[in-house]
Amino acid sequence: MTLRANQSSRVLAATAPPLCDPPNLCHYSSSMTSIVAHNKLRFVNPIVILAALLCLWLPARAGAAEIKVAAASDLTFAFKDVAAQFEKQTGNSVKLTYGSSGNFFAQIQNGAPFDLFFSADVGYPQKLEAAGLIEPGTIYDYASGKLVMWAPNESKLDLSRGLAVLLDPGIKKIAIANPLHAPYGSAAVAAMRHAAIYDQVKSKLVLGENISQTAQFVQSGNADVALLALSLALAPAMKNSGRYVEIPSADYPPLIQAAVILKSSRNKELAKQFLKFLQQPGTVALMEQYGFSIPGDVAAAHNDSEVPAQ
């Protein structure tokens, strides 16, 4: 009986249809794995071992979620680090899109599929709240920004003179963000008006679509000097290639930056988790490294956490 059974098995194996087409490559829809199927298994294929290991790894990632974040351009470098730490800590992912706050405001009004909006001006989240487009009670003032004047290292401008240096006849172009929809652009115009130089220099202004593009103008030599976010001036690329001076905060309206969870978000719980992550001491310290001032209550909690035990 045993002999006949083995003979039957060999017949079935010989006449069975191939597992897939082409017969040597099988794709499994339940994973991103391919294995080579042999007509006769004579040894353990290393590819099969690799597939098994991948199968052990993939279920751990299956539950990972993603949030889509619209972030003001002054957060470009800071949030790259923040998002990386959040992903490492939670296993979830953050998809960041950078741009001007005003443009994001318009996109969100038209149904852009973001979960969170980080604005460089609290006014835009407040307008979204008035329009009923945010999750109630989620506006969070996460930081205050600072305006600086930046010039490349090879420039001979004396930045210690403050905004008055913009009257130097050697300056042909001054880069600022578009004040119509970029908060740092509005702040730049306000600061120049406060210094009573705006009318004299407005013909030299070149407008970036957002504060990151403004930085690119001066870095590439398409502008002689720029009014930028401190957070960009402190980024390694700009810190090493230029110098800056802070514009007194009394010379322009406060750049109070706020975040909000959108009502249309499909990942509200994860969005709330990301906002809480911003209040952790390590994240607060990271934001401070990029020149942001943080809300008083969060700062107090951060400072208390640094007091060594007696």
C-alpha atoms as a PDB file:
ATOM      1  CA  MET A   1       0.000   0.000   0.000  1.00  0.00           C
ATOM      2  CA  THR A   2       2.813   2.364   0.819  1.00  0.00           C
ATOM      3  CA  LEU A   3       4.539   1.764  -2.490  1.00  0.00           C
ATOM      4  CA  ARG A   4       1.347   2.352  -4.477  1.00  0.00           C
ATOM      5  CA  ALA A   5       0.641   5.562  -2.569  1.00  0.00           C
ATOM      6  CA  ASN A   6       4.120   6.911  -3.315  1.00  0.00           C
ATOM      7  CA  GLN A   7       3.721   6.010  -6.978  1.00  0.00           C
ATOM      8  CA  SER A   8       0.370   7.848  -7.081  1.00  0.00           C
ATOM      9  CA  SER A   9       1.936  10.893  -5.509  1.00  0.00           C
ATOM     10  CA  ARG A  10       4.646  10.948  -8.172  1.00  0.00           C
ATOM     11  CA  VAL A  11       2.029  10.721 -10.915  1.00  0.00           C
ATOM     12  CA  LEU A  12       0.061  13.588  -9.445  1.00  0.00           C
ATOM     13  CA  ALA A  13       3.193  15.691  -9.073  1.00  0.00           C
ATOM     14  CA  ALA A  14       4.145  15.029 -12.663  1.00  0.00           C
ATOM     15  CA  THR A  15       0.722  15.955 -14.053  1.00  0.00           C
ATOM     16  CA  ALA A  16      -0.118  18.874 -11.734  1.00  0.00           C
ATOM     17  CA  PRO A  17      -0.380  22.293 -13.478  1.00  0.00           C
ATOM     18  CA  PRO A  18       2.289  24.896 -12.755  1.00  0.00           C
ATOM     19  CA  LEU A  19       1.708  27.049  -9.693  1.00  0.00           C
ATOM     20  CA  CYS A  20       1.904  30.251 -11.649  1.00  0.00           C
ATOM     21  CA  ASP A  21       2.657  31.721 -15.055  1.00  0.00           C
ATOM     22  CA  PRO A  22       5.560  31.853 -15.713  1.00  0.00           C
ATOM     23  CA  PRO A  23       5.897  28.616 -13.736  1.00  0.00           C
ATOM     24  CA  ASN A  24       9.042  29.535 -11.843  1.00  0.00           C
ATOM     25  CA  LEU A  25       7.896  32.859 -10.308  1.00  0.00           C
ATOM     26  CA  CYS A  26       5.060  33.165  -7.818  1.00  0.00           C
ATOM     27  CA  HIS A  27       3.741  36.465  -6.514  1.00  0.00           C
ATOM     28  CA  TYR A  28       1.793  36.579  -3.286  1.00  0.00           C
ATOM     29  CA  SER A  29      -0.646  39.465  -2.993  1.00  0.00           C
ATOM     30  CA  SER A  30      -0.510  39.303   0.793  1.00  0.00           C
ATOM     31  CA  SER A  31       3.091  40.495   0.853  1.00  0.00           C
ATOM     32  CA  MET A  32       5.745  42.190  -1.249  1.00  0.00           C
ATOM     33  CA  THR A  33       7.614  38.873  -1.644  1.00  0.00           C
ATOM     34  CA  SER A  34       8.517  36.727  -4.610  1.00  0.00           C
ATOM     35  CA  ILE A  35       9.786  33.168  -4.332  1.00  0.00           C
ATOM     36  CA  VAL A  36      11.096  30.739  -6.902  1.00  0.00           C
ATOM     37  CA  ALA A  37       9.033  27.569  -7.051  1.00  0.00           C
ATOM     38  CA  HIS A  38      10.976  24.481  -8.194  1.00  0.00           C
ATOM     39  CA  ASN A  39       9.340  21.387  -9.665  1.00  0.00           C
ATOM     40  CA  LYS A  40      11.424  19.309  -7.309  1.00  0.00           C
ATOM     41  CA  LEU A  41      12.496  20.763  -3.963  1.00  0.00           C
ATOM     42  CA  ARG A  42      15.969  19.353  -3.404  1.00  0.00           C
ATOM     43  CA  PHE A  43      17.327  21.966  -0.973  1.00  0.00           C
ATOM     44  CA  VAL A  44      16.209  24.986   1.041  1.00  0.00           C
ATOM     45  CA  ASN A  45      16.425  27.946  -1.354  1.00  0.00           C
ATOM     46  CA  PRO A  46      17.983  31.088   0.212  1.00  0.00           C
ATOM     47  CA  ILE A  47      15.252  33.155  -1.453  1.00  0.00           C
ATOM     48  CA  VAL A  48      12.617  31.140   0.421  1.00  0.00           C
ATOM     49  CA  ILE A  49      14.435  31.896   3.683  1.00  0.00           C
ATOM     50  CA  LEU A  50      14.476  35.588   2.818  1.00  0.00           C
ATOM     51  CA  ALA A  51      10.769  35.472   2.021  1.00  0.00           C
ATOM     52  CA  ALA A  52      10.035  33.912   5.398  1.00  0.00           C
ATOM     53  CA  LEU A  53      11.999  36.615   7.180  1.00  0.00           C
ATOM     54  CA  LEU A  54      10.137  39.294   5.276  1.00  0.00           C
ATOM     55  CA  CYS A  55       6.839  37.730   6.251  1.00  0.00           C
ATOM     56  CA  LEU A  56       7.868  37.991   9.902  1.00  0.00           C
ATOM     57  CA  TRP A  57       8.700  41.711   9.431  1.00  0.00           C
ATOM     58  CA  LEU A  58       5.724  42.786   7.352  1.00  0.00           C
ATOM     59  CA  PRO A  59       2.966  42.111   9.921  1.00  0.00           C
ATOM     60  CA  ALA A  60       4.712  44.470  12.348  1.00  0.00           C
ATOM     61  CA  ARG A  61       4.426  47.251   9.744  1.00  0.00           C
ATOM     62  CA  ALA A  62       0.890  46.372   8.697  1.00  0.00           C
ATOM     63  CA  GLY A  63      -0.634  48.437  11.493  1.00  0.00           C
ATOM     64  CA  ALA A  64       1.454  51.548  10.745  1.00  0.00           C
ATOM     65  CA  ALA A  65      -0.519  54.671   9.864  1.00  0.00           C
ATOM     66  CA  GLU A  66       0.380  57.883   8.063  1.00  0.00           C
ATOM     67  CA  ILE A  67      -0.559  61.493   8.675  1.00  0.00           C
ATOM     68  CA  LYS A  68      -0.405  64.153   5.988  1.00  0.00           C
ATOM     69  CA  VAL A  69       0.965  67.443   7.290  1.00  0.00           C
ATOM     70  CA  ALA A  70       0.840  70.825   5.564  1.00  0.00           C
ATOM     71  CA  ALA A  71       3.689  72.823   7.114  1.00  0.00           C
ATOM     72  CA  ALA A  72       4.846  76.401   6.713  1.00  0.00           C
ATOM     73  CA  SER A  73       8.179  76.605   4.914  1.00  0.00           C
ATOM     74  CA  ASP A  74      10.047  77.943   7.949  1.00  0.00           C
ATOM     75  CA  LEU A  75       9.607  74.441   9.419  1.00  0.00           C
ATOM     76  CA  THR A  76      11.456  72.739   6.547  1.00  0.00           C
ATOM     77  CA  PHE A  77      14.588  71.779   8.482  1.00  0.00           C
ATOM     78  CA  ALA A  78      13.159  71.562  11.995  1.00  0.00           C
ATOM     79  CA  PHE A  79      10.298  69.270  11.000  1.00  0.00           C
ATOM     80  CA  LYS A  80      12.560  66.968   9.057  1.00  0.00           C
ATOM     81  CA  ASP A  81      14.161  66.091  12.387  1.00  0.00           C
ATOM     82  CA  VAL A  82      10.903  66.193  14.357  1.00  0.00           C
ATOM     83  CA  ALA A  83       9.148  63.830  11.947  1.00  0.00           C
ATOM     84  CA  ALA A  84      12.086  61.406  11.960  1.00  0.00           C
ATOM     85  CA  GLN A  85      12.000  61.187  15.755  1.00  0.00           C
ATOM     86  CA  PHE A  86       8.212  60.751  15.790  1.00  0.00           C
ATOM     87  CA  GLU A  87       8.406  57.943  13.246  1.00  0.00           C
ATOM     88  CA  LYS A  88      11.149  56.228  15.220  1.00  0.00           C
ATOM     89  CA  GLN A  89       9.201  56.507  18.462  1.00  0.00           C
ATOM     90  CA  THR A  90       5.770  55.453  17.160  1.00  0.00           C
ATOM     91  CA  GLY A  91       6.373  53.362  14.043  1.00  0.00           C
ATOM     92  CA  ASN A  92       3.946  55.582  12.133  1.00  0.00           C
ATOM     93  CA  SER A  93       4.884  57.840   9.239  1.00  0.00           C
ATOM     94  CA  VAL A  94       4.575  61.566   8.572  1.00  0.00           C
ATOM     95  CA  LYS A  95       4.151  62.889   5.037  1.00  0.00           C
ATOM     96  CA  LEU A  96       5.293  66.524   5.029  1.00  0.00           C
ATOM     97  CA  THR A  97       4.363  69.108   2.426  1.00  0.00           C
ATOM     98  CA  TYR A  98       5.918  72.578   2.726  1.00  0.00           C
ATOM     99  CA  GLY A  99       4.630  75.861   1.378  1.00  0.00           C
ATOM    100  CA  SER A 100       3.292  79.273   2.284  1.00  0.00           C
ATOM    101  CA  SER A 101       0.606  79.419   4.955  1.00  0.00           C
ATOM    102  CA  GLY A 102      -1.717  81.475   2.779  1.00  0.00           C
ATOM    103  CA  ASN A 103      -1.556  79.013  -0.091  1.00  0.00           C
ATOM    104  CA  PHE A 104      -2.266  76.104   2.252  1.00  0.00           C
ATOM    105  CA  PHE A 105      -5.218  78.039   3.660  1.00  0.00           C
ATOM    106  CA  ALA A 106      -6.697  78.308   0.161  1.00  0.00           C
ATOM    107  CA  GLN A 107      -6.004  74.651  -0.615  1.00  0.00           C
ATOM    108  CA  ILE A 108      -7.651  73.463   2.595  1.00  0.00           C
ATOM    109  CA  GLN A 109     -10.715  75.563   1.838  1.00  0.00           C
ATOM    110  CA  ASN A 110     -10.895  73.673  -1.462  1.00  0.00           C
ATOM    111  CA  GLY A 111     -10.665  70.266   0.198  1.00  0.00           C
ATOM    112  CA  ALA A 112      -6.938  69.470   0.200  1.00  0.00           C
ATOM    113  CA  PRO A 113      -6.543  66.095   2.001  1.00  0.00           C
ATOM    114  CA  PHE A 114      -4.331  67.065   4.948  1.00  0.00           C
ATOM    115  CA  ASP A 115      -4.669  65.848   8.517  1.00  0.00           C
ATOM    116  CA  LEU A 116      -2.738  68.693  10.170  1.00  0.00           C
ATOM    117  CA  PHE A 117      -1.953  72.264   9.204  1.00  0.00           C
ATOM    118  CA  PHE A 118       1.049  74.029  10.750  1.00  0.00           C
ATOM    119  CA  SER A 119       0.747  77.710   9.909  1.00  0.00           C
ATOM    120  CA  ALA A 120       3.326  80.452  10.372  1.00  0.00           C
ATOM    121  CA  ASP A 121       0.444  82.760  11.340  1.00  0.00           C
ATOM    122  CA  VAL A 122      -2.286  81.903  13.834  1.00  0.00           C
ATOM    123  CA  GLY A 123      -4.720  83.953  11.744  1.00  0.00           C
ATOM    124  CA  TYR A 124      -5.139  81.251   9.100  1.00  0.00           C
ATOM    125  CA  PRO A 125      -6.144  78.479  11.546  1.00  0.00           C
ATOM    126  CA  GLN A 126      -8.544  80.936  13.167  1.00  0.00           C
ATOM    127  CA  LYS A 127     -10.163  81.600   9.791  1.00  0.00           C
ATOM    128  CA  LEU A 128     -10.475  77.868   9.179  1.00  0.00           C
ATOM    129  CA  GLU A 129     -12.107  77.528  12.588  1.00  0.00           C
ATOM    130  CA  ALA A 130     -14.622  80.242  11.693  1.00  0.00           C
ATOM    131  CA  ALA A 131     -15.392  78.347   8.485  1.00  0.00           C
ATOM    132  CA  GLY A 132     -16.039  75.122  10.417  1.00  0.00           C
ATOM    133  CA  LEU A 133     -13.179  73.271   8.764  1.00  0.00           C
ATOM    134  CA  ILE A 134     -11.204  72.214  11.834  1.00  0.00           C
ATOM    135  CA  GLU A 135     -11.687  69.751  14.643  1.00  0.00           C
ATOM    136  CA  PRO A 136     -13.134  71.898  17.456  1.00  0.00           C
ATOM    137  CA  GLY A 137     -10.708  72.935  20.166  1.00  0.00           C
ATOM    138  CA  THR A 138      -7.543  71.805  18.381  1.00  0.00           C
ATOM    139  CA  ILE A 139      -5.847  75.141  17.613  1.00  0.00           C
ATOM    140  CA  TYR A 140      -2.427  74.959  19.258  1.00  0.00           C
ATOM    141  CA  ASP A 141       0.129  77.793  19.333  1.00  0.00           C
ATOM    142  CA  TYR A 142       3.238  75.687  18.917  1.00  0.00           C
ATOM    143  CA  ALA A 143       5.902  78.387  18.452  1.00  0.00           C
ATOM    144  CA  SER A 144       6.784  81.977  17.687  1.00  0.00           C
ATOM    145  CA  GLY A 145       9.055  82.755  14.764  1.00  0.00           C
ATOM    146  CA  LYS A 146      11.798  85.362  14.384  1.00  0.00           C
ATOM    147  CA  LEU A 147      12.834  87.481  11.401  1.00  0.00           C
ATOM    148  CA  VAL A 148      16.480  87.914  10.397  1.00  0.00           C
ATOM    149  CA  MET A 149      18.482  89.658   7.691  1.00  0.00           C
ATOM    150  CA  TRP A 150      20.871  87.239   5.958  1.00  0.00           C
ATOM    151  CA  ALA A 151      23.758  87.776   3.532  1.00  0.00           C
ATOM    152  CA  PRO A 152      26.337  85.355   2.096  1.00  0.00           C
ATOM    153  CA  ASN A 153      29.807  85.214   3.619  1.00  0.00           C
ATOM    154  CA  GLU A 154      31.403  86.926   0.631  1.00  0.00           C
ATOM    155  CA  SER A 155      29.125  89.957   1.002  1.00  0.00           C
ATOM    156  CA  LYS A 156      30.763  93.102   2.359  1.00  0.00           C
ATOM    157  CA  LEU A 157      27.544  94.477   3.817  1.00  0.00           C
ATOM    158  CA  ASP A 158      27.757  95.553   7.450  1.00  0.00           C
ATOM    159  CA  LEU A 159      24.711  93.786   8.842  1.00  0.00           C
ATOM    160  CA  SER A 160      25.302  95.355  12.263  1.00  0.00           C
ATOM    161  CA  ARG A 161      23.764  98.535  10.825  1.00  0.00           C
ATOM    162  CA  GLY A 162      20.390  96.795  10.807  1.00  0.00           C
ATOM    163  CA  LEU A 163      17.818  97.401   8.105  1.00  0.00           C
ATOM    164  CA  ALA A 164      19.438 100.743   7.251  1.00  0.00           C
ATOM    165  CA  VAL A 165      22.086  98.759   5.363  1.00  0.00           C
ATOM    166  CA  LEU A 166      19.440  97.961   2.737  1.00  0.00           C
ATOM    167  CA  LEU A 167      19.888 101.542   1.487  1.00  0.00           C
ATOM    168  CA  ASP A 168      23.430 100.671   0.367  1.00  0.00           C
ATOM    169  CA  PRO A 169      23.640 101.516  -3.366  1.00  0.00           C
ATOM    170  CA  GLY A 170      25.572  98.287  -3.965  1.00  0.00           C
ATOM    171  CA  ILE A 171      22.443  96.272  -3.222  1.00  0.00           C
ATOM    172  CA  LYS A 172      20.514  95.492  -6.380  1.00  0.00           C
ATOM    173  CA  LYS A 173      18.016  92.915  -5.140  1.00  0.00           C
ATOM    174  CA  ILE A 174      16.461  92.191  -1.736  1.00  0.00           C
ATOM    175  CA  ALA A 175      14.631  88.877  -1.326  1.00  0.00           C
ATOM    176  CA  ILE A 176      11.534  88.576   0.836  1.00  0.00           C
ATOM    177  CA  ALA A 177       8.613  86.146   0.847  1.00  0.00           C
ATOM    178  CA  ASN A 178       5.467  87.274  -0.919  1.00  0.00           C
ATOM    179  CA  PRO A 179       3.623  89.349   1.707  1.00  0.00           C
ATOM    180  CA  LEU A 180       0.240  88.518   0.187  1.00  0.00           C
ATOM    181  CA  HIS A 181       0.281  84.955   1.515  1.00  0.00           C
ATOM    182  CA  ALA A 182       3.539  84.410   3.430  1.00  0.00           C
ATOM    183  CA  PRO A 183       3.602  85.644   7.063  1.00  0.00           C
ATOM    184  CA  TYR A 184       7.365  86.237   7.003  1.00  0.00           C
ATOM    185  CA  GLY A 185       6.903  88.410   3.943  1.00  0.00           C
ATOM    186  CA  SER A 186       4.327  90.497   5.775  1.00  0.00           C
ATOM    187  CA  ALA A 187       6.691  90.771   8.722  1.00  0.00           C
ATOM    188  CA  ALA A 188       9.520  91.880   6.427  1.00  0.00           C
ATOM    189  CA  VAL A 189       7.411  94.663   4.930  1.00  0.00           C
ATOM    190  CA  ALA A 190       6.289  95.772   8.397  1.00  0.00           C
ATOM    191  CA  ALA A 191       9.902  95.878   9.625  1.00  0.00           C
ATOM    192  CA  MET A 192      11.029  97.944   6.639  1.00  0.00           C
ATOM    193  CA  ARG A 193       8.145 100.354   7.116  1.00  0.00           C
ATOM    194  CA  HIS A 194       9.053 100.657  10.797  1.00  0.00           C
ATOM    195  CA  ALA A 195      12.617 101.533   9.764  1.00  0.00           C
ATOM    196  CA  ALA A 196      11.199 104.102   7.301  1.00  0.00           C
ATOM    197  CA  ILE A 197      13.060 102.580   4.339  1.00  0.00           C
ATOM    198  CA  TYR A 198      10.326 100.634   2.539  1.00  0.00           C
ATOM    199  CA  ASP A 199       9.533 103.281  -0.079  1.00  0.00           C
ATOM    200  CA  GLN A 200      13.214 103.632  -0.961  1.00  0.00           C
ATOM    201  CA  VAL A 201      13.875  99.908  -1.409  1.00  0.00           C
ATOM    202  CA  LYS A 202      10.578  98.456  -2.648  1.00  0.00           C
ATOM    203  CA  SER A 203      11.752  98.602  -6.279  1.00  0.00           C
ATOM    204  CA  LYS A 204      14.607  96.219  -5.345  1.00  0.00           C
ATOM    205  CA  LEU A 205      12.365  93.568  -3.813  1.00  0.00           C
ATOM    206  CA  VAL A 206      12.193  90.087  -5.326  1.00  0.00           C
ATOM    207  CA  LEU A 207       9.402  87.924  -3.960  1.00  0.00           C
ATOM    208  CA  GLY A 208       9.683  84.252  -3.123  1.00  0.00           C
ATOM    209  CA  GLU A 209       6.572  82.103  -3.256  1.00  0.00           C
ATOM    210  CA  ASN A 210       7.409  81.086   0.312  1.00  0.00           C
ATOM    211  CA  ILE A 211      10.232  81.679   2.766  1.00  0.00           C
ATOM    212  CA  SER A 212      12.212  78.655   1.512  1.00  0.00           C
ATOM    213  CA  GLN A 213      12.230  79.957  -2.054  1.00  0.00           C
ATOM    214  CA  THR A 214      13.274  83.340  -0.678  1.00  0.00           C
ATOM    215  CA  ALA A 215      16.297  81.663   0.901  1.00  0.00           C
ATOM    216  CA  GLN A 216      17.109  79.984  -2.412  1.00  0.00           C
ATOM    217  CA  PHE A 217      17.145  83.373  -4.156  1.00  0.00           C
ATOM    218  CA  VAL A 218      19.896  84.739  -1.934  1.00  0.00           C
ATOM    219  CA  GLN A 219      21.829  81.478  -1.728  1.00  0.00           C
ATOM    220  CA  SER A 220      21.957  81.218  -5.517  1.00  0.00           C
ATOM    221  CA  GLY A 221      23.114  84.805  -5.963  1.00  0.00           C
ATOM    222  CA  ASN A 222      19.821  86.010  -7.440  1.00  0.00           C
ATOM    223  CA  ALA A 223      19.544  88.437  -4.525  1.00  0.00           C
ATOM    224  CA  ASP A 224      22.184  90.283  -2.512  1.00  0.00           C
ATOM    225  CA  VAL A 225      20.467  90.012   0.854  1.00  0.00           C
ATOM    226  CA  ALA A 226      17.266  88.511   2.248  1.00  0.00           C
ATOM    227  CA  LEU A 227      14.842  88.828   5.136  1.00  0.00           C
ATOM    228  CA  LEU A 228      14.278  85.272   6.347  1.00  0.00           C
ATOM    229  CA  ALA A 229      13.052  83.070   9.147  1.00  0.00           C
ATOM    230  CA  LEU A 230      15.666  82.468  11.838  1.00  0.00           C
ATOM    231  CA  SER A 231      14.910  78.745  11.590  1.00  0.00           C
ATOM    232  CA  LEU A 232      16.282  78.709   8.032  1.00  0.00           C
ATOM    233  CA  ALA A 233      19.338  80.817   8.892  1.00  0.00           C
ATOM    234  CA  LEU A 234      20.247  78.254  11.565  1.00  0.00           C
ATOM    235  CA  ALA A 235      20.003  75.300   9.180  1.00  0.00           C
ATOM    236  CA  PRO A 236      23.462  73.854   8.425  1.00  0.00           C
ATOM    237  CA  ALA A 237      23.555  74.869   4.745  1.00  0.00           C
ATOM    238  CA  MET A 238      22.782  78.533   5.432  1.00  0.00           C
ATOM    239  CA  LYS A 239      24.643  78.727   8.717  1.00  0.00           C
ATOM    240  CA  ASN A 240      27.862  77.678   7.021  1.00  0.00           C
ATOM    241  CA  SER A 241      27.489  79.842   3.919  1.00  0.00           C
ATOM    242  CA  GLY A 242      26.333  83.146   5.372  1.00  0.00           C
ATOM    243  CA  ARG A 243      25.742  85.391   8.373  1.00  0.00           C
ATOM    244  CA  TYR A 244      22.689  87.044   9.801  1.00  0.00           C
ATOM    245  CA  VAL A 245      21.404  89.571  12.278  1.00  0.00           C
ATOM    246  CA  GLU A 246      18.075  89.364  14.065  1.00  0.00           C
ATOM    247  CA  ILE A 247      15.499  92.068  13.393  1.00  0.00           C
ATOM    248  CA  PRO A 248      14.136  93.415  16.715  1.00  0.00           C
ATOM    249  CA  SER A 249      10.838  91.700  17.417  1.00  0.00           C
ATOM    250  CA  ALA A 250       9.255  95.058  18.272  1.00  0.00           C
ATOM    251  CA  ASP A 251       9.693  96.113  14.616  1.00  0.00           C
ATOM    252  CA  TYR A 252       7.063  93.703  13.221  1.00  0.00           C
ATOM    253  CA  PRO A 253       3.857  91.981  14.403  1.00  0.00           C
ATOM    254  CA  PRO A 254       4.426  88.781  16.413  1.00  0.00           C
ATOM    255  CA  LEU A 255       4.844  85.677  14.280  1.00  0.00           C
ATOM    256  CA  ILE A 256       2.636  83.433  16.416  1.00  0.00           C
ATOM    257  CA  GLN A 257       2.576  80.041  14.716  1.00  0.00           C
ATOM    258  CA  ALA A 258      -0.325  77.668  15.232  1.00  0.00           C
ATOM    259  CA  ALA A 259      -1.333  74.153  14.280  1.00  0.00           C
ATOM    260  CA  VAL A 260      -4.765  72.676  13.827  1.00  0.00           C
ATOM    261  CA  ILE A 261      -6.325  69.285  13.122  1.00  0.00           C
ATOM    262  CA  LEU A 262      -8.634  69.421  10.131  1.00  0.00           C
ATOM    263  CA  LYS A 263     -12.187  68.166  10.392  1.00  0.00           C
ATOM    264  CA  SER A 264     -11.695  66.156   7.201  1.00  0.00           C
ATOM    265  CA  SER A 265      -8.766  64.216   8.698  1.00  0.00           C
ATOM    266  CA  ARG A 266      -9.070  60.442   8.607  1.00  0.00           C
ATOM    267  CA  ASN A 267      -6.375  60.004  11.269  1.00  0.00           C
ATOM    268  CA  LYS A 268      -7.459  62.358  14.037  1.00  0.00           C
ATOM    269  CA  GLU A 269      -6.076  60.231  16.858  1.00  0.00           C
ATOM    270  CA  LEU A 270      -2.644  60.008  15.258  1.00  0.00           C
ATOM    271  CA  ALA A 271      -2.779  63.759  14.541  1.00  0.00           C
ATOM    272  CA  LYS A 272      -3.475  64.388  18.240  1.00  0.00           C
ATOM    273  CA  GLN A 273      -0.549  62.134  19.097  1.00  0.00           C
ATOM    274  CA  PHE A 274       1.735  64.215  16.871  1.00  0.00           C
ATOM    275  CA  LEU A 275       0.630  67.443  18.565  1.00  0.00           C
ATOM    276  CA  LYS A 276       1.367  65.902  21.967  1.00  0.00           C
ATOM    277  CA  PHE A 277       4.751  64.776  20.689  1.00  0.00           C
ATOM    278  CA  LEU A 278       5.611  68.419  19.983  1.00  0.00           C
ATOM    279  CA  GLN A 279       5.226  69.139  23.687  1.00  0.00           C
ATOM    280  CA  GLN A 280       7.710  66.501  24.802  1.00  0.00           C
ATOM    281  CA  PRO A 281      10.939  67.947  26.278  1.00  0.00           C
ATOM    282  CA  GLY A 282      13.129  66.483  23.549  1.00  0.00           C
ATOM    283  CA  THR A 283      10.983  67.943  20.782  1.00  0.00           C
ATOM    284  CA  VAL A 284      10.795  71.312  22.535  1.00  0.00           C
ATOM    285  CA  ALA A 285      14.588  71.396  22.768  1.00  0.00           C
ATOM    286  CA  LEU A 286      14.883  70.524  19.076  1.00  0.00           C
ATOM    287  CA  MET A 287      12.543  73.360  18.063  1.00  0.00           C
ATOM    288  CA  GLU A 288      14.545  75.758  20.216  1.00  0.00           C
ATOM    289  CA  GLN A 289      17.733  74.711  18.418  1.00  0.00           C
ATOM    290  CA  TYR A 290      16.151  76.043  15.232  1.00  0.00           C
ATOM    291  CA  GLY A 291      15.438  79.393  16.843  1.00  0.00           C
ATOM    292  CA  PHE A 292      11.767  79.027  17.654  1.00  0.00           C
ATOM    293  CA  SER A 293      10.348  80.499  20.833  1.00  0.00           C
ATOM    294  CA  ILE A 294       7.887  78.114  22.434  1.00  0.00           C
ATOM    295  CA  PRO A 295       4.669  78.806  24.377  1.00  0.00           C
ATOM    296  CA  GLY A 296       5.204  79.773  28.006  1.00  0.00           C
ATOM    297  CA  ASP A 297       3.372  76.803  29.501  1.00  0.00           C
ATOM    298  CA  VAL A 298       5.298  74.297  27.394  1.00  0.00           C
ATOM    299  CA  ALA A 299       8.561  76.117  28.127  1.00  0.00           C
ATOM    300  CA  ALA A 300       7.898  75.972  31.852  1.00  0.00           C
ATOM    301  CA  ALA A 301       7.251  72.244  31.721  1.00  0.00           C
ATOM    302  CA  HIS A 302      10.388  71.780  29.631  1.00  0.00           C
ATOM    303  CA  ASN A 303      12.542  73.770  32.054  1.00  0.00           C
ATOM    304  CA  ASP A 304      11.125  71.909  35.056  1.00  0.00           C
ATOM    305  CA  SER A 305      12.025  68.611  33.419  1.00  0.00           C
ATOM    306  CA  GLU A 306      15.641  69.728  33.187  1.00  0.00           C
ATOM    307  CA  VAL A 307      16.034  70.428  36.919  1.00  0.00           C
ATOM    308  CA  PRO A 308      18.337  67.706  38.236  1.00  0.00           C
ATOM    309  CA  ALA A 309      17.170  65.546  41.107  1.00  0.00           C
ATOM    310  CA  GLN A 310      18.550  66.504  44.506  1.00  0.00           C
END
